[in-house]
C-alpha atoms as a PDB file:
ATOM      1  CA  MET A   1      12.602 -45.923  37.823  1.00  0.00           C
ATOM      2  CA  LYS A   2      12.916 -42.780  39.984  1.00  0.00           C
ATOM      3  CA  VAL A   3      16.055 -41.789  38.118  1.00  0.00           C
ATOM      4  CA  LYS A   4      14.339 -42.204  34.754  1.00  0.00           C
ATOM      5  CA  LEU A   5      11.320 -40.174  35.893  1.00  0.00           C
ATOM      6  CA  SER A   6      13.553 -37.479  37.372  1.00  0.00           C
ATOM      7  CA  LEU A   7      15.546 -37.326  34.140  1.00  0.00           C
ATOM      8  CA  VAL A   8      12.381 -36.979  32.028  1.00  0.00           C
ATOM      9  CA  VAL A   9      11.000 -34.252  34.325  1.00  0.00           C
ATOM     10  CA  PHE A  10      14.361 -32.439  34.281  1.00  0.00           C
ATOM     11  CA  MET A  11      14.539 -32.534  30.462  1.00  0.00           C
ATOM     12  CA  ALA A  12      10.939 -31.375  30.084  1.00  0.00           C
ATOM     13  CA  LEU A  13      11.505 -28.479  32.490  1.00  0.00           C
ATOM     14  CA  SER A  14      14.742 -27.445  30.808  1.00  0.00           C
ATOM     15  CA  MET A  15      13.062 -27.483  27.397  1.00  0.00           C
ATOM     16  CA  PHE A  16      10.132 -25.470  28.714  1.00  0.00           C
ATOM     17  CA  LEU A  17      12.328 -22.904  30.465  1.00  0.00           C
ATOM     18  CA  SER A  18      14.678 -22.504  27.512  1.00  0.00           C
ATOM     19  CA  ARG A  19      11.835 -21.327  25.251  1.00  0.00           C
ATOM     20  CA  PRO A  20      10.989 -17.638  25.063  1.00  0.00           C
ATOM     21  CA  ALA A  21       7.916 -16.675  27.085  1.00  0.00           C
ATOM     22  CA  VAL A  22       6.317 -15.171  23.966  1.00  0.00           C
ATOM     23  CA  ALA A  23       6.546 -16.973  20.666  1.00  0.00           C
ATOM     24  CA  GLN A  24       8.611 -15.104  18.138  1.00  0.00           C
ATOM     25  CA  HIS A  25       6.572 -13.962  15.153  1.00  0.00           C
ATOM     26  CA  GLN A  26       8.343 -14.503  11.865  1.00  0.00           C
ATOM     27  CA  HIS A  27       7.708 -11.813   9.258  1.00  0.00           C
ATOM     28  CA  ALA A  28       7.816 -12.631   5.599  1.00  0.00           C
ATOM     29  CA  PRO A  29      10.461 -10.733   3.682  1.00  0.00           C
ATOM     30  CA  GLU A  30       9.176  -7.349   2.554  1.00  0.00           C
ATOM     31  CA  THR A  31       9.874  -8.253  -1.041  1.00  0.00           C
ATOM     32  CA  ALA A  32       7.564 -11.290  -0.953  1.00  0.00           C
ATOM     33  CA  ASN A  33       4.833  -9.537  -2.991  1.00  0.00           C
ATOM     34  CA  VAL A  34       7.044  -7.220  -5.027  1.00  0.00           C
ATOM     35  CA  ILE A  35       7.226  -7.768  -8.765  1.00  0.00           C
ATOM     36  CA  ASP A  36      10.304  -6.555 -10.586  1.00  0.00           C
ATOM     37  CA  GLY A  37       8.623  -5.018 -13.632  1.00  0.00           C
ATOM     38  CA  SER A  38      11.908  -4.739 -15.507  1.00  0.00           C
ATOM     39  CA  LYS A  39      12.263  -8.528 -15.405  1.00  0.00           C
ATOM     40  CA  PHE A  40       8.632  -9.674 -15.369  1.00  0.00           C
ATOM     41  CA  PRO A  41       6.368  -6.951 -16.836  1.00  0.00           C
ATOM     42  CA  GLU A  42       3.717  -9.563 -17.667  1.00  0.00           C
ATOM     43  CA  ARG A  43       3.207 -10.199 -13.939  1.00  0.00           C
ATOM     44  CA  ILE A  44       2.005  -6.655 -13.252  1.00  0.00           C
ATOM     45  CA  PRO A  45      -1.809  -6.600 -13.376  1.00  0.00           C
ATOM     46  CA  ASP A  46      -3.225  -4.205 -15.984  1.00  0.00           C
ATOM     47  CA  ASN A  47      -5.284  -2.262 -13.440  1.00  0.00           C
ATOM     48  CA  ILE A  48      -2.150  -1.543 -11.385  1.00  0.00           C
ATOM     49  CA  ALA A  49      -0.107  -0.608 -14.456  1.00  0.00           C
ATOM     50  CA  TYR A  50      -2.765   1.789 -15.760  1.00  0.00           C
ATOM     51  CA  LYS A  51      -3.301   3.368 -12.359  1.00  0.00           C
ATOM     52  CA  LEU A  52       0.433   4.004 -12.011  1.00  0.00           C
ATOM     53  CA  GLN A  53       0.610   5.377 -15.558  1.00  0.00           C
ATOM     54  CA  PHE A  54      -2.271   7.757 -14.820  1.00  0.00           C
ATOM     55  CA  PHE A  55      -0.593   8.876 -11.598  1.00  0.00           C
ATOM     56  CA  PHE A  56       2.672   9.562 -13.419  1.00  0.00           C
ATOM     57  CA  ILE A  57       0.923  11.741 -16.000  1.00  0.00           C
ATOM     58  CA  SER A  58      -1.626  13.466 -13.757  1.00  0.00           C
ATOM     59  CA  LEU A  59      -0.917  16.372 -11.449  1.00  0.00           C
ATOM     60  CA  THR A  60      -2.290  17.116  -8.023  1.00  0.00           C
ATOM     61  CA  PRO A  61      -4.365  20.314  -7.811  1.00  0.00           C
ATOM     62  CA  ASP A  62      -1.516  22.203  -6.137  1.00  0.00           C
ATOM     63  CA  LYS A  63       0.795  21.420  -9.108  1.00  0.00           C
ATOM     64  CA  LEU A  64      -1.584  22.305 -11.946  1.00  0.00           C
ATOM     65  CA  ASN A  65      -0.101  25.803 -12.327  1.00  0.00           C
ATOM     66  CA  ASP A  66       3.498  24.796 -11.584  1.00  0.00           C
ATOM     67  CA  PRO A  67       5.596  25.276 -14.778  1.00  0.00           C
ATOM     68  CA  ALA A  68       8.215  22.713 -13.682  1.00  0.00           C
ATOM     69  CA  ALA A  69       5.526  20.071 -13.071  1.00  0.00           C
ATOM     70  CA  GLN A  70       3.938  20.854 -16.456  1.00  0.00           C
ATOM     71  CA  THR A  71       7.309  20.503 -18.198  1.00  0.00           C
ATOM     72  CA  GLU A  72       7.981  17.188 -16.452  1.00  0.00           C
ATOM     73  CA  ARG A  73       4.537  15.921 -17.426  1.00  0.00           C
ATOM     74  CA  LEU A  74       5.042  16.851 -21.097  1.00  0.00           C
ATOM     75  CA  ALA A  75       8.480  15.217 -21.133  1.00  0.00           C
ATOM     76  CA  PHE A  76       6.932  12.011 -19.787  1.00  0.00           C
ATOM     77  CA  LEU A  77       4.062  12.139 -22.289  1.00  0.00           C
ATOM     78  CA  LYS A  78       6.510  12.509 -25.192  1.00  0.00           C
ATOM     79  CA  GLN A  79       8.066   9.169 -24.191  1.00  0.00           C
ATOM     80  CA  THR A  80       4.734   7.340 -24.381  1.00  0.00           C
ATOM     81  CA  GLY A  81       4.284   7.514 -28.146  1.00  0.00           C
ATOM     82  CA  ILE A  82       1.039   9.460 -27.810  1.00  0.00           C
ATOM     83  CA  SER A  83       0.571  12.111 -30.496  1.00  0.00           C
ATOM     84  CA  GLU A  84       1.195  15.652 -29.222  1.00  0.00           C
ATOM     85  CA  LYS A  85      -2.169  16.762 -30.613  1.00  0.00           C
ATOM     86  CA  GLU A  86      -3.769  14.224 -28.196  1.00  0.00           C
ATOM     87  CA  PHE A  87      -1.916  15.563 -25.132  1.00  0.00           C
ATOM     88  CA  PRO A  88      -4.679  17.975 -24.033  1.00  0.00           C
ATOM     89  CA  LYS A  89      -7.328  15.222 -24.028  1.00  0.00           C
ATOM     90  CA  VAL A  90      -5.014  12.749 -22.261  1.00  0.00           C
ATOM     91  CA  ILE A  91      -4.179  15.377 -19.646  1.00  0.00           C
ATOM     92  CA  GLU A  92      -7.868  16.131 -19.128  1.00  0.00           C
ATOM     93  CA  ILE A  93      -8.661  12.437 -18.654  1.00  0.00           C
ATOM     94  CA  VAL A  94      -5.804  11.631 -16.253  1.00  0.00           C
ATOM     95  CA  ASP A  95      -6.334  14.776 -14.178  1.00  0.00           C
ATOM     96  CA  ASP A  96     -10.033  13.928 -13.876  1.00  0.00           C
ATOM     97  CA  PHE A  97      -9.090  10.368 -12.873  1.00  0.00           C
ATOM     98  CA  ARG A  98      -6.666  11.687 -10.227  1.00  0.00           C
ATOM     99  CA  ASN A  99      -9.234  14.126  -8.857  1.00  0.00           C
ATOM    100  CA  ARG A 100     -11.914  11.416  -8.572  1.00  0.00           C
ATOM    101  CA  TYR A 101      -9.465   8.909  -7.106  1.00  0.00           C
ATOM    102  CA  GLU A 102      -8.285  11.353  -4.443  1.00  0.00           C
ATOM    103  CA  LYS A 103     -11.894  12.194  -3.467  1.00  0.00           C
ATOM    104  CA  LEU A 104     -12.913   8.528  -3.243  1.00  0.00           C
ATOM    105  CA  SER A 105      -9.789   7.683  -1.280  1.00  0.00           C
ATOM    106  CA  ALA A 106     -10.359  10.540   1.175  1.00  0.00           C
ATOM    107  CA  ALA A 107     -14.019   9.548   1.690  1.00  0.00           C
ATOM    108  CA  TYR A 108     -13.083   5.908   2.251  1.00  0.00           C
ATOM    109  CA  ASN A 109     -10.284   6.792   4.675  1.00  0.00           C
ATOM    110  CA  GLN A 110     -12.599   9.074   6.633  1.00  0.00           C
ATOM    111  CA  LYS A 111     -15.219   6.310   6.998  1.00  0.00           C
ATOM    112  CA  ALA A 112     -12.611   3.663   7.825  1.00  0.00           C
ATOM    113  CA  THR A 113     -11.057   5.876  10.494  1.00  0.00           C
ATOM    114  CA  ALA A 114     -14.436   6.578  12.051  1.00  0.00           C
ATOM    115  CA  ALA A 115     -15.366   2.876  12.002  1.00  0.00           C
ATOM    116  CA  ALA A 116     -12.079   1.897  13.608  1.00  0.00           C
ATOM    117  CA  LYS A 117     -12.671   4.256  16.539  1.00  0.00           C
ATOM    118  CA  PRO A 118     -16.243   3.694  17.743  1.00  0.00           C
ATOM    119  CA  TRP A 119     -15.417   5.320  21.077  1.00  0.00           C
ATOM    120  CA  ARG A 120     -14.960   8.642  19.293  1.00  0.00           C
ATOM    121  CA  ASN A 121     -18.350   8.756  17.632  1.00  0.00           C
ATOM    122  CA  GLY A 122     -20.491   7.541  20.521  1.00  0.00           C
ATOM    123  CA  GLY A 123     -20.660   3.934  19.389  1.00  0.00           C
ATOM    124  CA  PRO A 124     -21.626   0.972  21.570  1.00  0.00           C
ATOM    125  CA  ASN A 125     -18.131   0.738  23.057  1.00  0.00           C
ATOM    126  CA  THR A 126     -18.090   4.315  24.305  1.00  0.00           C
ATOM    127  CA  ILE A 127     -16.865   4.700  27.864  1.00  0.00           C
ATOM    128  CA  ARG A 128     -19.282   6.850  29.827  1.00  0.00           C
END
């Protein structure tokens, strides 16, 4: 009986000691949520597709007067099938979208950063 108990204790201890002290966290492959649009375009949600399309066509404020950026934008627009007479209106719309998106994103990021660091803005967790 003592031998059996000793053997069980020995096996339990060896199993316990052979494990890492901290459990290893397994990460999902980075491609788990990536959709290959060339193979499965129907799987890309419309809101994501339109946002990306608008970002491809729009220019950031620092590029609005850049001739190379303008040329690249026009070359992209010509591939879309949109009539050239509609280019000015499309450009106006996508640039306005980009401007509004950037402002909303900056405002959100500013609030999120402040909320994540209550010790910086005198919140309840401030060390005094």
